[in-house]
Amino acid sequence: MAQRDFFSSAAGWEIGLFIGHFLPPSVSHVLARITAFYLTKTNSRLISVLATNQRVAHPEMDDKQIKGIVTETIQQAGYGYYDLFYLLSRHHDDQDDSFARFAPDFIKAWRTSQRVGRGTILVSGHIGIFDIPALLFARQVSTMQMLTYPHPRSGHVKQNAWRSQFGINATPVNVSNLRRAVNRLRQNGLVITGVEWPDPTAPLPVQFFGRPTRLTLGHVRLAMETGAVLLPVYTLRISEQRYRLELMGEPFQVSKKRGENRSQVIQEAAERILQPLEMIIRRHPEQWFMFHPLWPELLPPGVPHDV
């Protein structure tokens, strides 16, 4: 079984839950460091994808520096996913709330978007473990839908089932679930989704780190159709089992004025979110957990391009 298949499988998810429930953080950190050391010694697809994405984000770095970032990224992912599994296995514990703090400017922006009355689309890059503050924030809102990977593997199905226990209606992206998202937003509800998922079927490319790539545009289309507020955020792991949700950019609505090109409006709105994400990734490259190729044409020969 390939590494990516294992990590996204039901078996990998169950092992993670076992580790989160029974092992202390100190042991899990040792396992994360050992795993990072082993994986970076291989020429696996996972390592190639991480290195290729980071090279585009950090063109000034040499191969040794990129390898160091990839190693640290795997370590940080191990720490973060342990924290997530720890949280999931103790989700009735009132002390869970200490896992995440919400920046005051985010809280202010959230309340303002709710007063607009058109719904809110909380959008985030794959920085930190966004699930941790999302799971805790779900306790504070009455209705929330998370749009997830459109082709879920068995581990994603398990993950979505656990999200539901925290009050998040996690739904893979498809026509039916997008309709549900539209209805939820029209009732002033909350929808959450990622912004830099690769989407080879996207009708137009966007600029990300100065290179064209095809990414999901669903969040922008939803905002345009419903008038919902796009609220860009990001998550950072600031210490052991401590996370902070920050505002990534100013909230905004998307509308097409008479005479404007619809595709251009969508493209500009998507890039408006991606631009501050670039700065955050450059500041915290070790917490960018994007395990899918955003520029498949740059992968080494022989590495599969599929998402």
C-alpha atoms as a PDB file:
ATOM      1  CA  MET A   1       0.000   0.000   0.000  1.00  0.00           C
ATOM      2  CA  ALA A   2       1.363   3.430  -0.965  1.00  0.00           C
ATOM      3  CA  GLN A   3       2.037   5.903   1.856  1.00  0.00           C
ATOM      4  CA  ARG A   4      -0.728   8.291   0.789  1.00  0.00           C
ATOM      5  CA  ASP A   5      -3.184   5.374   0.531  1.00  0.00           C
ATOM      6  CA  PHE A   6      -2.337   4.213   4.043  1.00  0.00           C
ATOM      7  CA  PHE A   7      -2.596   7.668   5.617  1.00  0.00           C
ATOM      8  CA  SER A   8      -6.006   8.243   4.001  1.00  0.00           C
ATOM      9  CA  SER A   9      -7.324   4.744   4.740  1.00  0.00           C
ATOM     10  CA  ALA A  10      -9.720   3.626   7.475  1.00  0.00           C
ATOM     11  CA  ALA A  11      -6.912   1.520   8.946  1.00  0.00           C
ATOM     12  CA  GLY A  12      -4.608   4.532   9.136  1.00  0.00           C
ATOM     13  CA  TRP A  13      -7.381   6.540  10.780  1.00  0.00           C
ATOM     14  CA  GLU A  14      -8.050   3.825  13.371  1.00  0.00           C
ATOM     15  CA  ILE A  15      -4.345   3.560  14.210  1.00  0.00           C
ATOM     16  CA  GLY A  16      -4.231   7.329  14.626  1.00  0.00           C
ATOM     17  CA  LEU A  17      -7.188   7.255  17.015  1.00  0.00           C
ATOM     18  CA  PHE A  18      -5.510   4.468  18.994  1.00  0.00           C
ATOM     19  CA  ILE A  19      -2.300   6.503  19.272  1.00  0.00           C
ATOM     20  CA  GLY A  20      -4.211   9.641  20.238  1.00  0.00           C
ATOM     21  CA  HIS A  21      -6.113   7.822  22.953  1.00  0.00           C
ATOM     22  CA  PHE A  22      -3.363   5.713  24.543  1.00  0.00           C
ATOM     23  CA  LEU A  23       0.013   7.368  23.899  1.00  0.00           C
ATOM     24  CA  PRO A  24       1.285  10.498  25.677  1.00  0.00           C
ATOM     25  CA  PRO A  25       2.461  13.451  23.583  1.00  0.00           C
ATOM     26  CA  SER A  26       6.148  12.774  24.273  1.00  0.00           C
ATOM     27  CA  VAL A  27       5.945   9.302  22.714  1.00  0.00           C
ATOM     28  CA  SER A  28       3.907  10.526  19.743  1.00  0.00           C
ATOM     29  CA  HIS A  29       6.538  13.195  19.056  1.00  0.00           C
ATOM     30  CA  VAL A  30       9.275  10.566  18.949  1.00  0.00           C
ATOM     31  CA  LEU A  31       7.181   8.542  16.495  1.00  0.00           C
ATOM     32  CA  ALA A  32       6.671  11.647  14.340  1.00  0.00           C
ATOM     33  CA  ARG A  33      10.418  12.315  14.208  1.00  0.00           C
ATOM     34  CA  ILE A  34      11.203   8.698  13.356  1.00  0.00           C
ATOM     35  CA  THR A  35       8.538   8.691  10.637  1.00  0.00           C
ATOM     36  CA  ALA A  36       9.883  11.932   9.161  1.00  0.00           C
ATOM     37  CA  PHE A  37      13.432  10.567   9.166  1.00  0.00           C
ATOM     38  CA  TYR A  38      12.353   7.356   7.441  1.00  0.00           C
ATOM     39  CA  LEU A  39      10.088   8.968   4.846  1.00  0.00           C
ATOM     40  CA  THR A  40      12.624  11.577   3.760  1.00  0.00           C
ATOM     41  CA  LYS A  41      15.109   8.783   3.034  1.00  0.00           C
ATOM     42  CA  THR A  42      12.746   7.415   0.385  1.00  0.00           C
ATOM     43  CA  ASN A  43      11.958   8.634  -3.113  1.00  0.00           C
ATOM     44  CA  SER A  44       8.250   8.275  -2.490  1.00  0.00           C
ATOM     45  CA  ARG A  45       5.532  10.226  -4.218  1.00  0.00           C
ATOM     46  CA  LEU A  46       4.649  11.925  -0.918  1.00  0.00           C
ATOM     47  CA  ILE A  47       8.159  13.357  -0.545  1.00  0.00           C
ATOM     48  CA  SER A  48       8.300  14.386  -4.213  1.00  0.00           C
ATOM     49  CA  VAL A  49       4.964  16.223  -3.937  1.00  0.00           C
ATOM     50  CA  LEU A  50       5.923  18.058  -0.738  1.00  0.00           C
ATOM     51  CA  ALA A  51       9.299  19.059  -2.158  1.00  0.00           C
ATOM     52  CA  THR A  52       7.824  20.242  -5.472  1.00  0.00           C
ATOM     53  CA  ASN A  53       5.171  22.392  -3.790  1.00  0.00           C
ATOM     54  CA  GLN A  54       7.760  23.901  -1.438  1.00  0.00           C
ATOM     55  CA  ARG A  55      10.180  24.657  -4.286  1.00  0.00           C
ATOM     56  CA  VAL A  56       7.547  26.799  -5.968  1.00  0.00           C
ATOM     57  CA  ALA A  57       6.790  28.576  -2.679  1.00  0.00           C
ATOM     58  CA  HIS A  58      10.509  29.059  -1.896  1.00  0.00           C
ATOM     59  CA  PRO A  59      12.448  29.418  -5.162  1.00  0.00           C
ATOM     60  CA  GLU A  60      15.383  30.933  -3.274  1.00  0.00           C
ATOM     61  CA  MET A  61      16.063  27.694  -1.351  1.00  0.00           C
ATOM     62  CA  ASP A  62      18.460  24.976  -2.422  1.00  0.00           C
ATOM     63  CA  ASP A  63      17.769  21.226  -2.303  1.00  0.00           C
ATOM     64  CA  LYS A  64      19.200  20.837   1.200  1.00  0.00           C
ATOM     65  CA  GLN A  65      16.944  23.564   2.581  1.00  0.00           C
ATOM     66  CA  ILE A  66      13.903  22.113   0.831  1.00  0.00           C
ATOM     67  CA  LYS A  67      14.674  18.681   2.272  1.00  0.00           C
ATOM     68  CA  GLY A  68      14.890  20.232   5.736  1.00  0.00           C
ATOM     69  CA  ILE A  69      11.477  21.879   5.305  1.00  0.00           C
ATOM     70  CA  VAL A  70       9.950  18.619   4.053  1.00  0.00           C
ATOM     71  CA  THR A  71      11.329  16.749   7.065  1.00  0.00           C
ATOM     72  CA  GLU A  72      10.004  19.373   9.472  1.00  0.00           C
ATOM     73  CA  THR A  73       6.639  19.421   7.672  1.00  0.00           C
ATOM     74  CA  ILE A  74       6.198  15.690   8.241  1.00  0.00           C
ATOM     75  CA  GLN A  75       7.180  16.097  11.886  1.00  0.00           C
ATOM     76  CA  GLN A  76       4.741  18.971  12.385  1.00  0.00           C
ATOM     77  CA  ALA A  77       1.998  17.028  10.622  1.00  0.00           C
ATOM     78  CA  GLY A  78       2.651  14.131  12.996  1.00  0.00           C
ATOM     79  CA  TYR A  79       2.410  16.410  16.024  1.00  0.00           C
ATOM     80  CA  GLY A  80      -0.727  18.066  14.678  1.00  0.00           C
ATOM     81  CA  TYR A  81      -2.586  14.915  13.738  1.00  0.00           C
ATOM     82  CA  TYR A  82      -1.738  13.401  17.101  1.00  0.00           C
ATOM     83  CA  ASP A  83      -3.350  16.473  18.711  1.00  0.00           C
ATOM     84  CA  LEU A  84      -6.392  15.998  16.483  1.00  0.00           C
ATOM     85  CA  PHE A  85      -6.721  12.314  17.367  1.00  0.00           C
ATOM     86  CA  TYR A  86      -6.213  13.158  21.038  1.00  0.00           C
ATOM     87  CA  LEU A  87      -9.016  15.717  20.797  1.00  0.00           C
ATOM     88  CA  LEU A  88     -11.357  13.337  18.963  1.00  0.00           C
ATOM     89  CA  SER A  89     -10.848  10.589  21.518  1.00  0.00           C
ATOM     90  CA  ARG A  90     -11.762  12.968  24.365  1.00  0.00           C
ATOM     91  CA  HIS A  91     -14.446  15.076  22.721  1.00  0.00           C
ATOM     92  CA  HIS A  92     -16.661  15.133  25.825  1.00  0.00           C
ATOM     93  CA  ASP A  93     -13.913  16.670  27.949  1.00  0.00           C
ATOM     94  CA  ASP A  94     -14.615  20.301  28.857  1.00  0.00           C
ATOM     95  CA  GLN A  95     -10.862  20.991  28.784  1.00  0.00           C
ATOM     96  CA  ASP A  96     -10.922  20.518  25.010  1.00  0.00           C
ATOM     97  CA  ASP A  97     -11.630  24.221  24.624  1.00  0.00           C
ATOM     98  CA  SER A  98      -8.063  25.036  25.662  1.00  0.00           C
ATOM     99  CA  PHE A  99      -6.797  23.467  22.417  1.00  0.00           C
ATOM    100  CA  ALA A 100      -7.736  26.479  20.304  1.00  0.00           C
ATOM    101  CA  ARG A 101      -7.944  30.217  20.717  1.00  0.00           C
ATOM    102  CA  PHE A 102      -9.775  32.509  18.330  1.00  0.00           C
ATOM    103  CA  ALA A 103      -8.173  35.841  17.490  1.00  0.00           C
ATOM    104  CA  PRO A 104     -10.326  38.861  18.466  1.00  0.00           C
ATOM    105  CA  ASP A 105     -10.322  40.211  14.889  1.00  0.00           C
ATOM    106  CA  PHE A 106     -11.709  36.878  13.681  1.00  0.00           C
ATOM    107  CA  ILE A 107     -14.516  36.959  16.253  1.00  0.00           C
ATOM    108  CA  LYS A 108     -15.346  40.535  15.259  1.00  0.00           C
ATOM    109  CA  ALA A 109     -15.352  39.643  11.553  1.00  0.00           C
ATOM    110  CA  TRP A 110     -17.520  36.580  12.182  1.00  0.00           C
ATOM    111  CA  ARG A 111     -20.123  38.590  14.078  1.00  0.00           C
ATOM    112  CA  THR A 112     -20.137  41.282  11.399  1.00  0.00           C
ATOM    113  CA  SER A 113     -20.659  38.701   8.650  1.00  0.00           C
ATOM    114  CA  GLN A 114     -23.587  37.250  10.554  1.00  0.00           C
ATOM    115  CA  ARG A 115     -25.231  40.663  10.745  1.00  0.00           C
ATOM    116  CA  VAL A 116     -25.060  40.921   6.953  1.00  0.00           C
ATOM    117  CA  GLY A 117     -27.556  38.031   6.955  1.00  0.00           C
ATOM    118  CA  ARG A 118     -26.417  36.343   3.721  1.00  0.00           C
ATOM    119  CA  GLY A 119     -24.432  33.500   5.255  1.00  0.00           C
ATOM    120  CA  THR A 120     -20.690  33.081   5.785  1.00  0.00           C
ATOM    121  CA  ILE A 121     -18.146  30.967   3.917  1.00  0.00           C
ATOM    122  CA  LEU A 122     -15.159  30.319   6.180  1.00  0.00           C
ATOM    123  CA  VAL A 123     -12.228  29.570   3.871  1.00  0.00           C
ATOM    124  CA  SER A 124      -8.783  28.366   4.838  1.00  0.00           C
ATOM    125  CA  GLY A 125      -5.575  27.091   3.331  1.00  0.00           C
ATOM    126  CA  HIS A 126      -4.027  23.839   4.513  1.00  0.00           C
ATOM    127  CA  ILE A 127      -1.983  25.590   7.177  1.00  0.00           C
ATOM    128  CA  GLY A 128      -1.833  23.939  10.581  1.00  0.00           C
ATOM    129  CA  ILE A 129      -4.599  21.521  11.532  1.00  0.00           C
ATOM    130  CA  PHE A 130      -7.690  23.561  10.695  1.00  0.00           C
ATOM    131  CA  ASP A 131      -9.948  20.758  11.948  1.00  0.00           C
ATOM    132  CA  ILE A 132      -8.995  21.487  15.562  1.00  0.00           C
ATOM    133  CA  PRO A 133     -10.390  25.056  15.822  1.00  0.00           C
ATOM    134  CA  ALA A 134     -13.209  24.119  13.427  1.00  0.00           C
ATOM    135  CA  LEU A 135     -14.365  21.297  15.693  1.00  0.00           C
ATOM    136  CA  LEU A 136     -14.370  23.581  18.711  1.00  0.00           C
ATOM    137  CA  PHE A 137     -15.977  26.487  16.858  1.00  0.00           C
ATOM    138  CA  ALA A 138     -18.805  24.149  15.842  1.00  0.00           C
ATOM    139  CA  ARG A 139     -19.924  24.168  19.472  1.00  0.00           C
ATOM    140  CA  GLN A 140     -20.624  27.890  19.215  1.00  0.00           C
ATOM    141  CA  VAL A 141     -22.791  27.883  16.089  1.00  0.00           C
ATOM    142  CA  SER A 142     -26.124  26.269  15.407  1.00  0.00           C
ATOM    143  CA  THR A 143     -25.506  25.099  11.852  1.00  0.00           C
ATOM    144  CA  MET A 144     -22.290  24.331   9.969  1.00  0.00           C
ATOM    145  CA  GLN A 145     -21.452  22.466   6.764  1.00  0.00           C
ATOM    146  CA  MET A 146     -17.926  21.533   5.725  1.00  0.00           C
ATOM    147  CA  LEU A 147     -17.301  20.881   2.035  1.00  0.00           C
ATOM    148  CA  THR A 148     -14.593  18.223   1.814  1.00  0.00           C
ATOM    149  CA  TYR A 149     -12.576  16.260  -0.736  1.00  0.00           C
ATOM    150  CA  PRO A 150     -14.897  15.244  -3.615  1.00  0.00           C
ATOM    151  CA  HIS A 151     -13.547  11.676  -3.883  1.00  0.00           C
ATOM    152  CA  PRO A 152     -13.213  10.520  -0.270  1.00  0.00           C
ATOM    153  CA  ARG A 153     -11.164   7.459   0.582  1.00  0.00           C
ATOM    154  CA  SER A 154     -12.111   5.246   3.516  1.00  0.00           C
ATOM    155  CA  GLY A 155     -10.122   7.368   5.955  1.00  0.00           C
ATOM    156  CA  HIS A 156     -11.891  10.533   4.811  1.00  0.00           C
ATOM    157  CA  VAL A 157     -15.231   8.812   5.424  1.00  0.00           C
ATOM    158  CA  LYS A 158     -14.110   7.987   8.984  1.00  0.00           C
ATOM    159  CA  GLN A 159     -12.909  11.538   9.483  1.00  0.00           C
ATOM    160  CA  ASN A 160     -16.221  12.989   8.329  1.00  0.00           C
ATOM    161  CA  ALA A 161     -18.101  10.671  10.689  1.00  0.00           C
ATOM    162  CA  TRP A 162     -16.054  11.957  13.635  1.00  0.00           C
ATOM    163  CA  ARG A 163     -16.609  15.543  12.543  1.00  0.00           C
ATOM    164  CA  SER A 164     -20.347  14.936  12.765  1.00  0.00           C
ATOM    165  CA  GLN A 165     -19.983  14.120  16.469  1.00  0.00           C
ATOM    166  CA  PHE A 166     -18.838  17.699  16.997  1.00  0.00           C
ATOM    167  CA  GLY A 167     -21.762  19.115  15.028  1.00  0.00           C
ATOM    168  CA  ILE A 168     -20.082  19.552  11.650  1.00  0.00           C
ATOM    169  CA  ASN A 169     -22.042  18.271   8.666  1.00  0.00           C
ATOM    170  CA  ALA A 170     -19.036  17.216   6.553  1.00  0.00           C
ATOM    171  CA  THR A 171     -20.039  16.539   2.950  1.00  0.00           C
ATOM    172  CA  PRO A 172     -17.895  15.703  -0.106  1.00  0.00           C
ATOM    173  CA  VAL A 173     -18.163  18.263  -2.882  1.00  0.00           C
ATOM    174  CA  ASN A 174     -20.795  17.229  -5.429  1.00  0.00           C
ATOM    175  CA  VAL A 175     -23.842  18.814  -7.047  1.00  0.00           C
ATOM    176  CA  SER A 176     -26.249  17.691  -4.321  1.00  0.00           C
ATOM    177  CA  ASN A 177     -24.065  18.902  -1.437  1.00  0.00           C
ATOM    178  CA  LEU A 178     -23.400  22.213  -3.161  1.00  0.00           C
ATOM    179  CA  ARG A 179     -27.171  22.742  -3.337  1.00  0.00           C
ATOM    180  CA  ARG A 180     -27.321  22.052   0.395  1.00  0.00           C
ATOM    181  CA  ALA A 181     -24.586  24.625   0.939  1.00  0.00           C
ATOM    182  CA  VAL A 182     -26.531  27.214  -1.071  1.00  0.00           C
ATOM    183  CA  ASN A 183     -29.657  26.593   1.013  1.00  0.00           C
ATOM    184  CA  ARG A 184     -27.657  26.809   4.243  1.00  0.00           C
ATOM    185  CA  LEU A 185     -26.102  30.117   3.258  1.00  0.00           C
ATOM    186  CA  ARG A 186     -29.485  31.538   2.273  1.00  0.00           C
ATOM    187  CA  GLN A 187     -30.567  30.796   5.843  1.00  0.00           C
ATOM    188  CA  ASN A 188     -27.558  32.787   7.121  1.00  0.00           C
ATOM    189  CA  GLY A 189     -25.696  29.579   7.931  1.00  0.00           C
ATOM    190  CA  LEU A 190     -22.004  28.740   7.888  1.00  0.00           C
ATOM    191  CA  VAL A 191     -20.084  26.781   5.251  1.00  0.00           C
ATOM    192  CA  ILE A 192     -16.401  25.847   5.592  1.00  0.00           C
ATOM    193  CA  THR A 193     -14.019  24.778   2.849  1.00  0.00           C
ATOM    194  CA  GLY A 194     -10.394  24.843   1.695  1.00  0.00           C
ATOM    195  CA  VAL A 195      -9.035  27.171  -0.967  1.00  0.00           C
ATOM    196  CA  GLU A 196      -5.996  25.445  -2.478  1.00  0.00           C
ATOM    197  CA  TRP A 197      -7.369  22.004  -3.293  1.00  0.00           C
ATOM    198  CA  PRO A 198      -6.099  21.030  -6.750  1.00  0.00           C
ATOM    199  CA  ASP A 199      -8.900  20.716  -9.283  1.00  0.00           C
ATOM    200  CA  PRO A 200      -7.789  19.670 -12.778  1.00  0.00           C
ATOM    201  CA  THR A 201     -11.344  20.276 -14.020  1.00  0.00           C
ATOM    202  CA  ALA A 202     -11.373  23.958 -12.974  1.00  0.00           C
ATOM    203  CA  PRO A 203     -12.392  26.045 -16.006  1.00  0.00           C
ATOM    204  CA  LEU A 204      -9.609  28.597 -15.543  1.00  0.00           C
ATOM    205  CA  PRO A 205      -6.238  28.754 -13.799  1.00  0.00           C
ATOM    206  CA  VAL A 206      -5.289  31.064 -10.966  1.00  0.00           C
ATOM    207  CA  GLN A 207      -1.926  32.489 -10.005  1.00  0.00           C
ATOM    208  CA  PHE A 208      -0.412  30.979  -6.860  1.00  0.00           C
ATOM    209  CA  PHE A 209       3.193  31.809  -5.955  1.00  0.00           C
ATOM    210  CA  GLY A 210       3.561  33.379  -9.389  1.00  0.00           C
ATOM    211  CA  ARG A 211       2.648  30.235 -11.310  1.00  0.00           C
ATOM    212  CA  PRO A 212      -0.664  29.216 -12.891  1.00  0.00           C
ATOM    213  CA  THR A 213      -2.444  26.250 -11.328  1.00  0.00           C
ATOM    214  CA  ARG A 214      -5.965  24.898 -11.359  1.00  0.00           C
ATOM    215  CA  LEU A 215      -7.535  25.010  -7.913  1.00  0.00           C
ATOM    216  CA  THR A 216     -11.034  24.696  -6.570  1.00  0.00           C
ATOM    217  CA  LEU A 217     -13.207  27.741  -7.245  1.00  0.00           C
ATOM    218  CA  GLY A 218     -16.363  26.463  -5.572  1.00  0.00           C
ATOM    219  CA  HIS A 219     -16.140  28.841  -2.613  1.00  0.00           C
ATOM    220  CA  VAL A 220     -16.093  31.863  -4.931  1.00  0.00           C
ATOM    221  CA  ARG A 221     -19.012  30.569  -6.996  1.00  0.00           C
ATOM    222  CA  LEU A 222     -21.028  29.947  -3.817  1.00  0.00           C
ATOM    223  CA  ALA A 223     -20.307  33.477  -2.625  1.00  0.00           C
ATOM    224  CA  MET A 224     -21.317  34.952  -5.976  1.00  0.00           C
ATOM    225  CA  GLU A 225     -24.553  32.971  -6.131  1.00  0.00           C
ATOM    226  CA  THR A 226     -25.704  33.637  -2.572  1.00  0.00           C
ATOM    227  CA  GLY A 227     -24.138  36.962  -1.614  1.00  0.00           C
ATOM    228  CA  ALA A 228     -22.431  35.229   1.315  1.00  0.00           C
ATOM    229  CA  VAL A 229     -19.413  36.785   3.006  1.00  0.00           C
ATOM    230  CA  LEU A 230     -16.059  35.105   2.293  1.00  0.00           C
ATOM    231  CA  LEU A 231     -14.131  35.024   5.577  1.00  0.00           C
ATOM    232  CA  PRO A 232     -10.478  33.941   5.033  1.00  0.00           C
ATOM    233  CA  VAL A 233      -8.721  32.389   8.028  1.00  0.00           C
ATOM    234  CA  TYR A 234      -5.711  30.251   8.895  1.00  0.00           C
ATOM    235  CA  THR A 235      -4.596  28.070  11.799  1.00  0.00           C
ATOM    236  CA  LEU A 236      -1.192  27.887  13.474  1.00  0.00           C
ATOM    237  CA  ARG A 237       0.110  25.388  15.972  1.00  0.00           C
ATOM    238  CA  ILE A 238       1.751  27.683  18.513  1.00  0.00           C
ATOM    239  CA  SER A 239       2.818  25.061  21.086  1.00  0.00           C
ATOM    240  CA  GLU A 240       2.002  21.555  22.231  1.00  0.00           C
ATOM    241  CA  GLN A 241      -1.779  21.056  21.901  1.00  0.00           C
ATOM    242  CA  ARG A 242      -2.312  24.787  21.473  1.00  0.00           C
ATOM    243  CA  TYR A 243      -3.673  26.322  18.253  1.00  0.00           C
ATOM    244  CA  ARG A 244      -4.774  29.763  17.192  1.00  0.00           C
ATOM    245  CA  LEU A 245      -7.250  30.685  14.467  1.00  0.00           C
ATOM    246  CA  GLU A 246      -6.334  33.977  12.811  1.00  0.00           C
ATOM    247  CA  LEU A 247      -7.968  36.210  10.235  1.00  0.00           C
ATOM    248  CA  MET A 248      -6.054  35.805   6.951  1.00  0.00           C
ATOM    249  CA  GLY A 249      -7.565  38.739   5.095  1.00  0.00           C
ATOM    250  CA  GLU A 250     -10.449  41.165   5.091  1.00  0.00           C
ATOM    251  CA  PRO A 251     -13.881  39.538   4.646  1.00  0.00           C
ATOM    252  CA  PHE A 252     -15.575  40.409   1.372  1.00  0.00           C
ATOM    253  CA  GLN A 253     -18.512  39.615  -0.873  1.00  0.00           C
ATOM    254  CA  VAL A 254     -18.318  38.720  -4.555  1.00  0.00           C
ATOM    255  CA  SER A 255     -20.605  40.314  -7.092  1.00  0.00           C
ATOM    256  CA  LYS A 256     -20.519  40.728 -10.839  1.00  0.00           C
ATOM    257  CA  LYS A 257     -21.302  44.220 -11.996  1.00  0.00           C
ATOM    258  CA  ARG A 258     -22.897  44.920 -15.340  1.00  0.00           C
ATOM    259  CA  GLY A 259     -20.360  44.585 -18.134  1.00  0.00           C
ATOM    260  CA  GLU A 260     -17.832  42.664 -16.070  1.00  0.00           C
ATOM    261  CA  ASN A 261     -16.525  39.284 -17.194  1.00  0.00           C
ATOM    262  CA  ARG A 262     -17.803  36.558 -14.846  1.00  0.00           C
ATOM    263  CA  SER A 263     -14.691  34.394 -15.184  1.00  0.00           C
ATOM    264  CA  GLN A 264     -12.418  37.332 -14.431  1.00  0.00           C
ATOM    265  CA  VAL A 265     -14.434  38.240 -11.323  1.00  0.00           C
ATOM    266  CA  ILE A 266     -14.148  34.649 -10.056  1.00  0.00           C
ATOM    267  CA  GLN A 267     -10.443  34.513 -10.808  1.00  0.00           C
ATOM    268  CA  GLU A 268      -9.701  37.807  -9.062  1.00  0.00           C
ATOM    269  CA  ALA A 269     -11.713  36.814  -5.975  1.00  0.00           C
ATOM    270  CA  ALA A 270      -9.882  33.480  -5.709  1.00  0.00           C
ATOM    271  CA  GLU A 271      -6.499  35.190  -6.028  1.00  0.00           C
ATOM    272  CA  ARG A 272      -7.513  37.793  -3.443  1.00  0.00           C
ATOM    273  CA  ILE A 273      -7.615  34.936  -0.921  1.00  0.00           C
ATOM    274  CA  LEU A 274      -4.521  33.147  -2.224  1.00  0.00           C
ATOM    275  CA  GLN A 275      -2.250  36.205  -1.987  1.00  0.00           C
ATOM    276  CA  PRO A 276      -2.223  36.486   1.831  1.00  0.00           C
ATOM    277  CA  LEU A 277      -2.035  32.683   2.025  1.00  0.00           C
ATOM    278  CA  GLU A 278       1.248  32.869   0.110  1.00  0.00           C
ATOM    279  CA  MET A 279       2.742  35.159   2.766  1.00  0.00           C
ATOM    280  CA  ILE A 280       1.644  32.885   5.589  1.00  0.00           C
ATOM    281  CA  ILE A 281       3.083  29.799   3.883  1.00  0.00           C
ATOM    282  CA  ARG A 282       6.398  31.597   3.368  1.00  0.00           C
ATOM    283  CA  ARG A 283       6.484  32.494   7.066  1.00  0.00           C
ATOM    284  CA  HIS A 284       5.460  29.017   8.254  1.00  0.00           C
ATOM    285  CA  PRO A 285       6.454  26.533   5.533  1.00  0.00           C
ATOM    286  CA  GLU A 286       6.682  23.657   8.003  1.00  0.00           C
ATOM    287  CA  GLN A 287       2.953  23.956   8.725  1.00  0.00           C
ATOM    288  CA  TRP A 288       1.772  23.827   5.110  1.00  0.00           C
ATOM    289  CA  PHE A 289       0.212  20.379   4.893  1.00  0.00           C
ATOM    290  CA  MET A 290      -0.546  20.195   1.197  1.00  0.00           C
ATOM    291  CA  PHE A 291       0.078  16.573   0.220  1.00  0.00           C
ATOM    292  CA  HIS A 292      -1.325  16.885  -3.302  1.00  0.00           C
ATOM    293  CA  PRO A 293       0.591  18.238  -6.312  1.00  0.00           C
ATOM    294  CA  LEU A 294      -0.440  21.781  -7.154  1.00  0.00           C
ATOM    295  CA  TRP A 295       1.902  21.922 -10.135  1.00  0.00           C
ATOM    296  CA  PRO A 296       1.969  18.313 -11.407  1.00  0.00           C
ATOM    297  CA  GLU A 297       3.957  19.329 -14.475  1.00  0.00           C
ATOM    298  CA  LEU A 298       6.918  20.059 -12.160  1.00  0.00           C
ATOM    299  CA  LEU A 299       7.007  16.632 -10.519  1.00  0.00           C
ATOM    300  CA  PRO A 300      10.081  14.484 -11.242  1.00  0.00           C
ATOM    301  CA  PRO A 301       9.735  12.049 -14.154  1.00  0.00           C
ATOM    302  CA  GLY A 302       7.875   8.883 -13.221  1.00  0.00           C
ATOM    303  CA  VAL A 303       5.939  10.401 -10.291  1.00  0.00           C
ATOM    304  CA  PRO A 304       2.159   9.992 -10.833  1.00  0.00           C
ATOM    305  CA  HIS A 305       0.338  13.255 -11.483  1.00  0.00           C
ATOM    306  CA  ASP A 306      -3.069  12.196 -10.149  1.00  0.00           C
ATOM    307  CA  VAL A 307      -4.572  14.169  -7.291  1.00  0.00           C
END
